[in-house]
Amino acid sequence: KTTSSIPTVSSMGCLSGAAEMNQLPDFLRFNKYGGVLTPEERRQVAKSKGVCISCGRTTHKVTPFRTLPLDNLRVRNGVCLFCRPDGWMDKEGVRNGGFL
């Protein structure tokens, strides 16, 4: 039985499974000592750097005092349109796709 190394795309447009972790930038996969980040640590790192937790695309401009959501062809109001094509919100009314 062989496994394919071809990334698969989920219904949300993001890479899924092991392919997703291999496609992420290293700062969203490993800490400064080389250990693997937990999901909570990944969320914190993504928020501090202003990137999408799913793909690593820049979603916010980070300044010393606040973060500003970007609005361009790939990101709408801080939501990554590659991972969340419709810019959907979860049940609590919080936008997902940027920081989660």
C-alpha atoms as a PDB file:
ATOM      1  CA  LYS A   1       0.000   0.000   0.000  1.00  0.00           C
ATOM      2  CA  THR A   2       1.516   3.296  -1.081  1.00  0.00           C
ATOM      3  CA  THR A   3       0.597   6.750   0.105  1.00  0.00           C
ATOM      4  CA  SER A   4       0.436   9.712  -2.182  1.00  0.00           C
ATOM      5  CA  SER A   5       2.377  12.856  -1.358  1.00  0.00           C
ATOM      6  CA  ILE A   6       0.000  14.939  -3.483  1.00  0.00           C
ATOM      7  CA  PRO A   7      -1.748  17.542  -1.294  1.00  0.00           C
ATOM      8  CA  THR A   8      -5.512  17.231  -1.129  1.00  0.00           C
ATOM      9  CA  VAL A   9      -7.825  20.216  -0.920  1.00  0.00           C
ATOM     10  CA  SER A  10     -10.691  20.199   1.567  1.00  0.00           C
ATOM     11  CA  SER A  11     -14.126  21.691   0.945  1.00  0.00           C
ATOM     12  CA  MET A  12     -12.947  24.940   2.586  1.00  0.00           C
ATOM     13  CA  GLY A  13     -10.137  25.329   0.031  1.00  0.00           C
ATOM     14  CA  CYS A  14      -7.306  24.593   2.475  1.00  0.00           C
ATOM     15  CA  LEU A  15      -4.806  21.799   2.276  1.00  0.00           C
ATOM     16  CA  SER A  16      -5.859  18.955   4.542  1.00  0.00           C
ATOM     17  CA  GLY A  17      -4.195  16.351   6.734  1.00  0.00           C
ATOM     18  CA  ALA A  18      -0.445  15.840   6.772  1.00  0.00           C
ATOM     19  CA  ALA A  19      -0.110  17.871   3.568  1.00  0.00           C
ATOM     20  CA  GLU A  20      -1.350  20.948   5.427  1.00  0.00           C
ATOM     21  CA  MET A  21       1.384  20.760   8.071  1.00  0.00           C
ATOM     22  CA  ASN A  22       4.087  20.318   5.424  1.00  0.00           C
ATOM     23  CA  GLN A  23       2.873  23.402   3.539  1.00  0.00           C
ATOM     24  CA  LEU A  24       2.877  25.728   6.554  1.00  0.00           C
ATOM     25  CA  PRO A  25       5.784  28.093   7.188  1.00  0.00           C
ATOM     26  CA  ASP A  26       8.206  26.819   9.831  1.00  0.00           C
ATOM     27  CA  PHE A  27       7.232  29.491  12.360  1.00  0.00           C
ATOM     28  CA  LEU A  28       3.690  27.976  12.442  1.00  0.00           C
ATOM     29  CA  ARG A  29       5.024  24.419  12.799  1.00  0.00           C
ATOM     30  CA  PHE A  30       7.953  24.597  15.214  1.00  0.00           C
ATOM     31  CA  ASN A  31       8.984  26.655  18.231  1.00  0.00           C
ATOM     32  CA  LYS A  32      12.406  28.296  18.473  1.00  0.00           C
ATOM     33  CA  TYR A  33      13.867  25.107  20.002  1.00  0.00           C
ATOM     34  CA  GLY A  34      12.615  22.849  17.197  1.00  0.00           C
ATOM     35  CA  GLY A  35       9.665  21.342  19.088  1.00  0.00           C
ATOM     36  CA  VAL A  36       6.305  20.932  17.372  1.00  0.00           C
ATOM     37  CA  LEU A  37       3.713  23.594  18.276  1.00  0.00           C
ATOM     38  CA  THR A  38       0.407  22.612  19.833  1.00  0.00           C
ATOM     39  CA  PRO A  39      -2.788  23.922  18.166  1.00  0.00           C
ATOM     40  CA  GLU A  40      -3.133  26.604  20.871  1.00  0.00           C
ATOM     41  CA  GLU A  41       0.480  27.714  20.398  1.00  0.00           C
ATOM     42  CA  ARG A  42      -0.088  27.881  16.612  1.00  0.00           C
ATOM     43  CA  ARG A  43      -3.075  30.197  17.179  1.00  0.00           C
ATOM     44  CA  GLN A  44      -1.011  32.461  19.432  1.00  0.00           C
ATOM     45  CA  VAL A  45       1.892  32.634  16.964  1.00  0.00           C
ATOM     46  CA  ALA A  46      -0.461  33.299  14.024  1.00  0.00           C
ATOM     47  CA  LYS A  47      -2.179  36.086  15.944  1.00  0.00           C
ATOM     48  CA  SER A  48       1.089  37.734  16.990  1.00  0.00           C
ATOM     49  CA  LYS A  49       2.478  37.649  13.428  1.00  0.00           C
ATOM     50  CA  GLY A  50      -0.801  38.598  11.698  1.00  0.00           C
ATOM     51  CA  VAL A  51      -1.080  35.502   9.493  1.00  0.00           C
ATOM     52  CA  CYS A  52      -3.751  32.939   8.601  1.00  0.00           C
ATOM     53  CA  ILE A  53      -3.450  29.893  10.842  1.00  0.00           C
ATOM     54  CA  SER A  54      -4.376  27.545   7.980  1.00  0.00           C
ATOM     55  CA  CYS A  55      -1.981  28.649   5.241  1.00  0.00           C
ATOM     56  CA  GLY A  56       0.358  31.312   6.675  1.00  0.00           C
ATOM     57  CA  ARG A  57      -0.808  34.107   4.329  1.00  0.00           C
ATOM     58  CA  THR A  58      -0.531  37.614   5.849  1.00  0.00           C
ATOM     59  CA  THR A  59      -3.987  38.780   6.983  1.00  0.00           C
ATOM     60  CA  HIS A  60      -3.153  41.689   9.301  1.00  0.00           C
ATOM     61  CA  LYS A  61      -0.558  44.429   9.488  1.00  0.00           C
ATOM     62  CA  VAL A  62       1.001  44.174  12.934  1.00  0.00           C
ATOM     63  CA  THR A  63       2.081  47.434  14.585  1.00  0.00           C
ATOM     64  CA  PRO A  64       3.482  47.886  18.091  1.00  0.00           C
ATOM     65  CA  PHE A  65       0.117  49.015  19.478  1.00  0.00           C
ATOM     66  CA  ARG A  66      -2.519  47.251  17.340  1.00  0.00           C
ATOM     67  CA  THR A  67      -3.196  44.977  14.394  1.00  0.00           C
ATOM     68  CA  LEU A  68      -4.881  46.300  11.276  1.00  0.00           C
ATOM     69  CA  PRO A  69      -6.866  43.902   9.043  1.00  0.00           C
ATOM     70  CA  LEU A  70      -5.751  43.847   5.417  1.00  0.00           C
ATOM     71  CA  ASP A  71      -8.134  44.209   2.500  1.00  0.00           C
ATOM     72  CA  ASN A  72      -6.854  43.103  -0.923  1.00  0.00           C
ATOM     73  CA  LEU A  73      -7.451  40.411  -3.565  1.00  0.00           C
ATOM     74  CA  ARG A  74      -6.360  37.584  -1.238  1.00  0.00           C
ATOM     75  CA  VAL A  75      -7.620  38.901   2.102  1.00  0.00           C
ATOM     76  CA  ARG A  76     -10.888  40.660   2.890  1.00  0.00           C
ATOM     77  CA  ASN A  77     -11.128  42.540   6.182  1.00  0.00           C
ATOM     78  CA  GLY A  78      -8.466  40.309   7.743  1.00  0.00           C
ATOM     79  CA  VAL A  79      -9.991  37.006   6.539  1.00  0.00           C
ATOM     80  CA  CYS A  80      -7.962  34.795   4.188  1.00  0.00           C
ATOM     81  CA  LEU A  81     -10.065  34.246   1.064  1.00  0.00           C
ATOM     82  CA  PHE A  82      -8.008  31.200   0.049  1.00  0.00           C
ATOM     83  CA  CYS A  83      -9.020  29.325   3.212  1.00  0.00           C
ATOM     84  CA  ARG A  84     -12.435  30.953   3.724  1.00  0.00           C
ATOM     85  CA  PRO A  85     -13.729  31.884   0.233  1.00  0.00           C
ATOM     86  CA  ASP A  86     -16.934  33.401   1.581  1.00  0.00           C
ATOM     87  CA  GLY A  87     -15.318  35.063   4.630  1.00  0.00           C
ATOM     88  CA  TRP A  88     -17.761  33.159   6.897  1.00  0.00           C
ATOM     89  CA  MET A  89     -18.300  33.702  10.599  1.00  0.00           C
ATOM     90  CA  ASP A  90     -18.699  31.015  13.249  1.00  0.00           C
ATOM     91  CA  LYS A  91     -21.666  30.576  15.635  1.00  0.00           C
ATOM     92  CA  GLU A  92     -20.441  33.237  18.060  1.00  0.00           C
ATOM     93  CA  GLY A  93     -20.185  35.823  15.288  1.00  0.00           C
ATOM     94  CA  VAL A  94     -16.379  35.771  15.298  1.00  0.00           C
ATOM     95  CA  ARG A  95     -14.631  35.783  11.931  1.00  0.00           C
ATOM     96  CA  ASN A  96     -12.588  32.672  11.247  1.00  0.00           C
ATOM     97  CA  GLY A  97      -9.766  32.399   8.764  1.00  0.00           C
ATOM     98  CA  GLY A  98      -7.501  35.107  10.139  1.00  0.00           C
ATOM     99  CA  PHE A  99      -6.493  34.281  13.676  1.00  0.00           C
ATOM    100  CA  LEU A 100      -9.283  31.872  14.764  1.00  0.00           C
END
